[in-house]
C-alpha atoms as a PDB file:
ATOM      1  CA  MET A   1     -75.788  -2.038-101.848  1.00  0.00           C
ATOM      2  CA  LYS A   2     -77.791   0.631 -99.055  1.00  0.00           C
ATOM      3  CA  LYS A   3     -77.913  -1.350 -95.859  1.00  0.00           C
ATOM      4  CA  ILE A   4     -74.095  -3.048 -95.788  1.00  0.00           C
ATOM      5  CA  PHE A   5     -73.323   0.780 -95.719  1.00  0.00           C
ATOM      6  CA  LEU A   6     -75.760   2.130 -93.532  1.00  0.00           C
ATOM      7  CA  LEU A   7     -74.465  -0.717 -90.725  1.00  0.00           C
ATOM      8  CA  THR A   8     -71.060  -0.549 -91.796  1.00  0.00           C
ATOM      9  CA  VAL A   9     -71.019   3.207 -90.232  1.00  0.00           C
ATOM     10  CA  LEU A  10     -72.935   1.576 -87.307  1.00  0.00           C
ATOM     11  CA  VAL A  11     -70.164  -0.084 -86.610  1.00  0.00           C
ATOM     12  CA  ILE A  12     -67.628   2.499 -86.776  1.00  0.00           C
ATOM     13  CA  LEU A  13     -69.689   4.274 -84.766  1.00  0.00           C
ATOM     14  CA  ILE A  14     -69.651   1.812 -82.134  1.00  0.00           C
ATOM     15  CA  GLN A  15     -65.875   0.831 -82.585  1.00  0.00           C
ATOM     16  CA  SER A  16     -65.278   5.348 -82.096  1.00  0.00           C
ATOM     17  CA  CYS A  17     -67.537   4.948 -78.682  1.00  0.00           C
ATOM     18  CA  ASN A  18     -66.322   1.720 -77.397  1.00  0.00           C
ATOM     19  CA  SER A  19     -62.902   2.972 -78.197  1.00  0.00           C
ATOM     20  CA  GLN A  20     -63.785   6.761 -76.529  1.00  0.00           C
ATOM     21  CA  SER A  21     -65.525   4.914 -73.140  1.00  0.00           C
ATOM     22  CA  LYS A  22     -61.976   3.054 -72.609  1.00  0.00           C
ATOM     23  CA  ASN A  23     -59.748   6.063 -72.676  1.00  0.00           C
ATOM     24  CA  ASN A  24     -61.925   8.217 -70.611  1.00  0.00           C
ATOM     25  CA  ILE A  25     -62.567   5.744 -68.149  1.00  0.00           C
ATOM     26  CA  GLU A  26     -58.288   4.578 -68.115  1.00  0.00           C
ATOM     27  CA  LYS A  27     -57.847   8.576 -68.022  1.00  0.00           C
ATOM     28  CA  GLU A  28     -60.012   9.061 -64.922  1.00  0.00           C
ATOM     29  CA  ASN A  29     -58.123   5.823 -63.072  1.00  0.00           C
ATOM     30  CA  SER A  30     -54.683   7.908 -63.812  1.00  0.00           C
ATOM     31  CA  SER A  31     -55.161  11.263 -63.234  1.00  0.00           C
ATOM     32  CA  VAL A  32     -53.291  12.942 -59.853  1.00  0.00           C
ATOM     33  CA  SER A  33     -55.236  13.782 -57.116  1.00  0.00           C
ATOM     34  CA  LYS A  34     -55.012  16.828 -55.934  1.00  0.00           C
ATOM     35  CA  PRO A  35     -53.506  17.541 -53.478  1.00  0.00           C
ATOM     36  CA  PHE A  36     -50.713  16.451 -55.023  1.00  0.00           C
ATOM     37  CA  ASP A  37     -49.128  12.820 -52.646  1.00  0.00           C
ATOM     38  CA  LEU A  38     -46.813  10.867 -53.011  1.00  0.00           C
ATOM     39  CA  ASN A  39     -48.696   7.728 -51.251  1.00  0.00           C
ATOM     40  CA  ASN A  40     -52.074   8.215 -54.002  1.00  0.00           C
ATOM     41  CA  LEU A  41     -49.865   7.093 -56.713  1.00  0.00           C
ATOM     42  CA  THR A  42     -51.147   3.935 -58.501  1.00  0.00           C
ATOM     43  CA  PHE A  43     -48.716   3.369 -61.129  1.00  0.00           C
ATOM     44  CA  ASN A  44     -50.884   4.293 -63.958  1.00  0.00           C
ATOM     45  CA  GLU A  45     -49.943   7.843 -64.195  1.00  0.00           C
ATOM     46  CA  ASP A  46     -48.478   9.722 -66.821  1.00  0.00           C
ATOM     47  CA  ILE A  47     -45.328  11.933 -65.935  1.00  0.00           C
ATOM     48  CA  THR A  48     -46.382  14.595 -67.620  1.00  0.00           C
ATOM     49  CA  ASP A  49     -50.255  14.879 -65.623  1.00  0.00           C
ATOM     50  CA  ILE A  50     -47.813  14.667 -61.710  1.00  0.00           C
ATOM     51  CA  LEU A  51     -46.304  17.252 -62.917  1.00  0.00           C
ATOM     52  CA  SER A  52     -48.604  19.742 -64.534  1.00  0.00           C
ATOM     53  CA  ALA A  53     -50.675  19.097 -61.322  1.00  0.00           C
ATOM     54  CA  VAL A  54     -47.978  20.616 -59.453  1.00  0.00           C
ATOM     55  CA  ASN A  55     -46.771  23.583 -61.793  1.00  0.00           C
ATOM     56  CA  LEU A  56     -43.820  21.993 -62.500  1.00  0.00           C
ATOM     57  CA  SER A  57     -42.374  20.337 -65.212  1.00  0.00           C
ATOM     58  CA  LYS A  58     -39.159  18.507 -67.524  1.00  0.00           C
ATOM     59  CA  ARG A  59     -37.046  21.463 -67.518  1.00  0.00           C
ATOM     60  CA  ASP A  60     -37.926  21.085 -63.763  1.00  0.00           C
ATOM     61  CA  THR A  61     -35.450  18.311 -63.107  1.00  0.00           C
ATOM     62  CA  LEU A  62     -31.770  18.612 -61.272  1.00  0.00           C
ATOM     63  CA  LYS A  63     -28.950  16.870 -62.517  1.00  0.00           C
ATOM     64  CA  ASN A  64     -28.134  13.222 -62.169  1.00  0.00           C
ATOM     65  CA  GLU A  65     -25.913  11.021 -63.140  1.00  0.00           C
ATOM     66  CA  GLU A  66     -27.443   7.937 -61.744  1.00  0.00           C
ATOM     67  CA  LEU A  67     -28.160   5.774 -64.666  1.00  0.00           C
ATOM     68  CA  THR A  68     -32.081   4.169 -65.078  1.00  0.00           C
ATOM     69  CA  LEU A  69     -33.299   0.664 -67.013  1.00  0.00           C
ATOM     70  CA  ILE A  70     -33.787   0.462 -70.230  1.00  0.00           C
ATOM     71  CA  GLY A  71     -36.607   1.416 -71.248  1.00  0.00           C
ATOM     72  CA  ASN A  72     -36.894   3.887 -68.864  1.00  0.00           C
ATOM     73  CA  GLU A  73     -36.143   7.624 -68.420  1.00  0.00           C
ATOM     74  CA  ARG A  74     -35.972   9.548 -64.571  1.00  0.00           C
ATOM     75  CA  LEU A  75     -35.833  12.934 -63.700  1.00  0.00           C
ATOM     76  CA  VAL A  76     -34.671  14.362 -60.281  1.00  0.00           C
ATOM     77  CA  PHE A  77     -36.767  17.272 -57.891  1.00  0.00           C
ATOM     78  CA  ASP A  78     -36.334  18.985 -54.728  1.00  0.00           C
ATOM     79  CA  SER A  79     -39.644  20.685 -54.808  1.00  0.00           C
ATOM     80  CA  LYS A  80     -41.175  20.686 -51.561  1.00  0.00           C
ATOM     81  CA  LYS A  81     -44.851  20.303 -54.054  1.00  0.00           C
ATOM     82  CA  LEU A  82     -43.233  16.710 -55.093  1.00  0.00           C
ATOM     83  CA  LEU A  83     -41.761  15.101 -51.848  1.00  0.00           C
ATOM     84  CA  VAL A  84     -44.844  14.525 -50.119  1.00  0.00           C
ATOM     85  CA  PHE A  85     -45.165  11.372 -48.742  1.00  0.00           C
ATOM     86  CA  ASN A  86     -48.647  10.674 -47.049  1.00  0.00           C
ATOM     87  CA  LYS A  87     -49.248  14.195 -46.299  1.00  0.00           C
ATOM     88  CA  ILE A  88     -45.790  14.417 -44.524  1.00  0.00           C
ATOM     89  CA  ASN A  89     -43.390  17.232 -46.395  1.00  0.00           C
ATOM     90  CA  LEU A  90     -40.079  16.120 -46.800  1.00  0.00           C
ATOM     91  CA  ALA A  91     -38.497  18.214 -48.843  1.00  0.00           C
ATOM     92  CA  ASN A  92     -35.210  19.444 -46.344  1.00  0.00           C
ATOM     93  CA  LYS A  93     -31.461  19.464 -47.106  1.00  0.00           C
ATOM     94  CA  ASN A  94     -28.055  19.837 -44.935  1.00  0.00           C
ATOM     95  CA  SER A  95     -23.948  19.055 -45.007  1.00  0.00           C
ATOM     96  CA  LEU A  96     -24.681  16.289 -46.580  1.00  0.00           C
ATOM     97  CA  GLY A  97     -27.266  16.507 -49.312  1.00  0.00           C
ATOM     98  CA  THR A  98     -30.612  17.679 -50.575  1.00  0.00           C
ATOM     99  CA  ASN A  99     -34.021  15.637 -49.889  1.00  0.00           C
ATOM    100  CA  ASN A 100     -34.926  15.031 -53.706  1.00  0.00           C
ATOM    101  CA  LEU A 101     -37.216  13.031 -55.270  1.00  0.00           C
ATOM    102  CA  MET A 102     -36.321  10.189 -58.591  1.00  0.00           C
ATOM    103  CA  PHE A 103     -39.011   9.559 -60.874  1.00  0.00           C
ATOM    104  CA  HIS A 104     -38.149   6.203 -63.368  1.00  0.00           C
ATOM    105  CA  TYR A 105     -41.140   6.833 -65.784  1.00  0.00           C
ATOM    106  CA  GLY A 106     -41.189   4.735 -69.493  1.00  0.00           C
ATOM    107  CA  LYS A 107     -39.568   5.600 -72.339  1.00  0.00           C
ATOM    108  CA  VAL A 108     -40.213   2.495 -75.674  1.00  0.00           C
ATOM    109  CA  ASP A 109     -37.940   2.752 -78.059  1.00  0.00           C
ATOM    110  CA  PRO A 110     -40.078   2.868 -81.894  1.00  0.00           C
ATOM    111  CA  GLU A 111     -37.557   0.572 -83.365  1.00  0.00           C
ATOM    112  CA  ILE A 112     -36.650  -2.048 -80.073  1.00  0.00           C
ATOM    113  CA  GLY A 113     -40.375  -1.629 -78.396  1.00  0.00           C
ATOM    114  CA  ALA A 114     -41.342  -2.691 -75.148  1.00  0.00           C
ATOM    115  CA  ILE A 115     -39.099  -4.530 -73.146  1.00  0.00           C
ATOM    116  CA  ASN A 116     -40.908  -4.697 -70.076  1.00  0.00           C
ATOM    117  CA  ASN A 117     -44.643  -3.898 -70.604  1.00  0.00           C
ATOM    118  CA  GLU A 118     -43.548  -0.295 -70.027  1.00  0.00           C
ATOM    119  CA  LYS A 119     -45.666   3.145 -71.512  1.00  0.00           C
ATOM    120  CA  ASN A 120     -43.750   6.025 -72.520  1.00  0.00           C
ATOM    121  CA  ASN A 121     -43.644   8.808 -69.941  1.00  0.00           C
ATOM    122  CA  ILE A 122     -45.966   5.917 -67.172  1.00  0.00           C
ATOM    123  CA  ILE A 123     -44.810   6.261 -64.003  1.00  0.00           C
ATOM    124  CA  ARG A 124     -42.807   3.070 -62.972  1.00  0.00           C
ATOM    125  CA  MET A 125     -41.037   3.491 -59.986  1.00  0.00           C
ATOM    126  CA  TYR A 126     -40.040   6.213 -57.643  1.00  0.00           C
ATOM    127  CA  GLN A 127     -37.519   6.902 -55.228  1.00  0.00           C
ATOM    128  CA  ILE A 128     -36.422   8.331 -52.121  1.00  0.00           C
ATOM    129  CA  ASN A 129     -33.501  10.575 -51.063  1.00  0.00           C
ATOM    130  CA  LEU A 130     -33.147  11.471 -47.863  1.00  0.00           C
ATOM    131  CA  PHE A 131     -29.886  13.126 -46.169  1.00  0.00           C
ATOM    132  CA  THR A 132     -32.086  14.600 -42.989  1.00  0.00           C
ATOM    133  CA  LYS A 133     -32.349  12.446 -39.617  1.00  0.00           C
ATOM    134  CA  SER A 134     -35.542  14.200 -38.882  1.00  0.00           C
ATOM    135  CA  GLU A 135     -37.648  13.623 -42.041  1.00  0.00           C
ATOM    136  CA  SER A 136     -35.844  10.185 -42.703  1.00  0.00           C
ATOM    137  CA  ASP A 137     -37.492   9.480 -39.006  1.00  0.00           C
ATOM    138  CA  GLU A 138     -40.092  11.288 -39.903  1.00  0.00           C
ATOM    139  CA  LEU A 139     -41.029   9.027 -43.019  1.00  0.00           C
ATOM    140  CA  TYR A 140     -39.736   5.714 -41.374  1.00  0.00           C
ATOM    141  CA  ASN A 141     -42.988   5.942 -38.643  1.00  0.00           C
ATOM    142  CA  ASN A 142     -45.421   7.112 -41.030  1.00  0.00           C
ATOM    143  CA  LEU A 143     -44.391   3.518 -42.612  1.00  0.00           C
ATOM    144  CA  ASN A 144     -44.901   1.822 -39.644  1.00  0.00           C
ATOM    145  CA  LEU A 145     -48.458   3.517 -38.550  1.00  0.00           C
ATOM    146  CA  LEU A 146     -49.473   2.784 -42.467  1.00  0.00           C
ATOM    147  CA  PHE A 147     -48.688  -0.516 -43.219  1.00  0.00           C
ATOM    148  CA  GLY A 148     -48.059  -2.592 -39.665  1.00  0.00           C
ATOM    149  CA  LYS A 149     -44.155  -5.303 -39.202  1.00  0.00           C
ATOM    150  CA  PRO A 150     -42.485  -5.349 -42.875  1.00  0.00           C
ATOM    151  CA  LYS A 151     -42.711  -8.537 -44.587  1.00  0.00           C
ATOM    152  CA  ASN A 152     -39.368  -8.397 -44.843  1.00  0.00           C
ATOM    153  CA  LEU A 153     -36.204  -7.135 -42.370  1.00  0.00           C
ATOM    154  CA  TYR A 154     -32.812  -7.468 -43.439  1.00  0.00           C
ATOM    155  CA  ASN A 155     -30.018  -6.029 -40.907  1.00  0.00           C
ATOM    156  CA  LEU A 156     -25.779  -5.962 -41.261  1.00  0.00           C
ATOM    157  CA  GLY A 157     -23.314  -3.398 -39.753  1.00  0.00           C
ATOM    158  CA  PRO A 158     -24.360   0.176 -40.422  1.00  0.00           C
ATOM    159  CA  VAL A 159     -27.279  -0.769 -42.704  1.00  0.00           C
ATOM    160  CA  THR A 160     -31.175  -2.171 -42.556  1.00  0.00           C
ATOM    161  CA  THR A 161     -33.377  -2.162 -45.332  1.00  0.00           C
ATOM    162  CA  PHE A 162     -37.616  -2.801 -44.355  1.00  0.00           C
ATOM    163  CA  LEU A 163     -39.322  -4.163 -46.858  1.00  0.00           C
ATOM    164  CA  TRP A 164     -43.318  -3.540 -47.042  1.00  0.00           C
ATOM    165  CA  ILE A 165     -45.347  -5.031 -49.913  1.00  0.00           C
ATOM    166  CA  ASN A 166     -49.526  -3.472 -49.313  1.00  0.00           C
ATOM    167  CA  ASN A 167     -52.280  -3.879 -52.322  1.00  0.00           C
ATOM    168  CA  ASN A 168     -49.694  -5.385 -54.626  1.00  0.00           C
ATOM    169  CA  ILE A 169     -46.889  -2.140 -54.424  1.00  0.00           C
ATOM    170  CA  CYS A 170     -43.118  -2.396 -52.484  1.00  0.00           C
ATOM    171  CA  TYR A 171     -41.890   0.079 -50.671  1.00  0.00           C
ATOM    172  CA  TYR A 172     -37.895  -1.002 -49.983  1.00  0.00           C
ATOM    173  CA  TYR A 173     -36.589   1.663 -47.692  1.00  0.00           C
ATOM    174  CA  PHE A 174     -32.433   1.454 -46.771  1.00  0.00           C
ATOM    175  CA  ILE A 175     -30.957   2.783 -44.325  1.00  0.00           C
ATOM    176  CA  LYS A 176     -27.172   3.607 -43.382  1.00  0.00           C
ATOM    177  CA  ASP A 177     -26.765   5.370 -40.275  1.00  0.00           C
ATOM    178  CA  ASP A 178     -23.345   5.510 -39.909  1.00  0.00           C
ATOM    179  CA  ASP A 179     -20.766   8.838 -40.741  1.00  0.00           C
ATOM    180  CA  ASP A 180     -22.257   8.607 -44.071  1.00  0.00           C
ATOM    181  CA  PHE A 181     -25.588   8.648 -43.594  1.00  0.00           C
ATOM    182  CA  TYR A 182     -28.097   8.026 -45.802  1.00  0.00           C
ATOM    183  CA  ARG A 183     -31.633   6.822 -47.183  1.00  0.00           C
ATOM    184  CA  VAL A 184     -33.749   5.448 -48.635  1.00  0.00           C
ATOM    185  CA  LEU A 185     -37.394   4.532 -50.324  1.00  0.00           C
ATOM    186  CA  PHE A 186     -37.652   3.074 -53.660  1.00  0.00           C
ATOM    187  CA  VAL A 187     -41.214   2.355 -54.236  1.00  0.00           C
ATOM    188  CA  TYR A 188     -42.683  -0.277 -57.512  1.00  0.00           C
ATOM    189  CA  LYS A 189     -45.609  -2.838 -58.534  1.00  0.00           C
ATOM    190  CA  LYS A 190     -44.043  -6.273 -57.428  1.00  0.00           C
ATOM    191  CA  THR A 191     -45.067  -7.423 -60.182  1.00  0.00           C
ATOM    192  CA  ASP A 192     -42.347  -4.798 -61.934  1.00  0.00           C
ATOM    193  CA  ARG A 193     -39.597  -6.887 -60.612  1.00  0.00           C
ATOM    194  CA  GLU A 194     -36.698  -5.453 -62.258  1.00  0.00           C
ATOM    195  CA  TRP A 195     -36.101  -2.922 -59.833  1.00  0.00           C
ATOM    196  CA  ILE A 196     -34.724  -5.772 -57.696  1.00  0.00           C
ATOM    197  CA  ASN A 197     -32.460  -6.039 -60.051  1.00  0.00           C
ATOM    198  CA  PHE A 198     -31.763  -2.474 -60.337  1.00  0.00           C
ATOM    199  CA  ILE A 199     -32.107  -1.662 -56.356  1.00  0.00           C
ATOM    200  CA  GLY A 200     -29.096  -3.795 -56.132  1.00  0.00           C
ATOM    201  CA  TYR A 201     -26.768  -2.639 -59.016  1.00  0.00           C
ATOM    202  CA  LEU A 202     -27.516   0.768 -57.083  1.00  0.00           C
ATOM    203  CA  GLY A 203     -26.006  -0.820 -54.291  1.00  0.00           C
ATOM    204  CA  PHE A 204     -29.340  -1.292 -51.786  1.00  0.00           C
ATOM    205  CA  ASP A 205     -29.207  -4.992 -51.941  1.00  0.00           C
ATOM    206  CA  ARG A 206     -27.428  -7.360 -51.637  1.00  0.00           C
ATOM    207  CA  GLY A 207     -29.325 -10.400 -52.857  1.00  0.00           C
ATOM    208  CA  ASN A 208     -32.248 -10.652 -49.898  1.00  0.00           C
ATOM    209  CA  LEU A 209     -34.651  -8.729 -51.511  1.00  0.00           C
ATOM    210  CA  LYS A 210     -34.897 -11.671 -54.440  1.00  0.00           C
ATOM    211  CA  LEU A 211     -35.415 -13.913 -51.971  1.00  0.00           C
ATOM    212  CA  VAL A 212     -38.641 -12.758 -51.252  1.00  0.00           C
ATOM    213  CA  ASN A 213     -42.016 -13.432 -52.430  1.00  0.00           C
END
């Protein structure tokens, strides 16, 4: 009886150690590097950890009425602490608007459960909204330098879109250069194809993204 008890305790200790090791590995993989840079995100990061890394919180979000996907929440910021892509600071504003960053992160309903494999508070997509030409041109040039020729290019009137795919991450850049100058970059995992419908619902894709493998 004593041997059985000792064996049971040993098994529990081993399972506990394995679980702790796994949690430590996941935490290490999802850690937020400093200085903060959007281009370093792997989409395993917790939104709270990201904000803590730049001394911000969810309370610092801007008011925004855009909808997000079921199973996801969103926060919007115009802080220069967050608006950094590959060491380029994109924070600026003009009469058309203020450049901002929107994080879409998992929010699992306790009754319904996960809908698209989302996890609570884990980043699933980010969206950079730009109104200033200088920063938007700099971002576009940077994307070209980082990833080379886009996998897909689409042009219709004043609208041009570019899609780069690197390390299973999609970088979809929308350009509108008429009187309503506006540019936006969507970044998400290639496997999370539900974001394609979301981007189309917002009016930034006319079905072209669905054709790209």
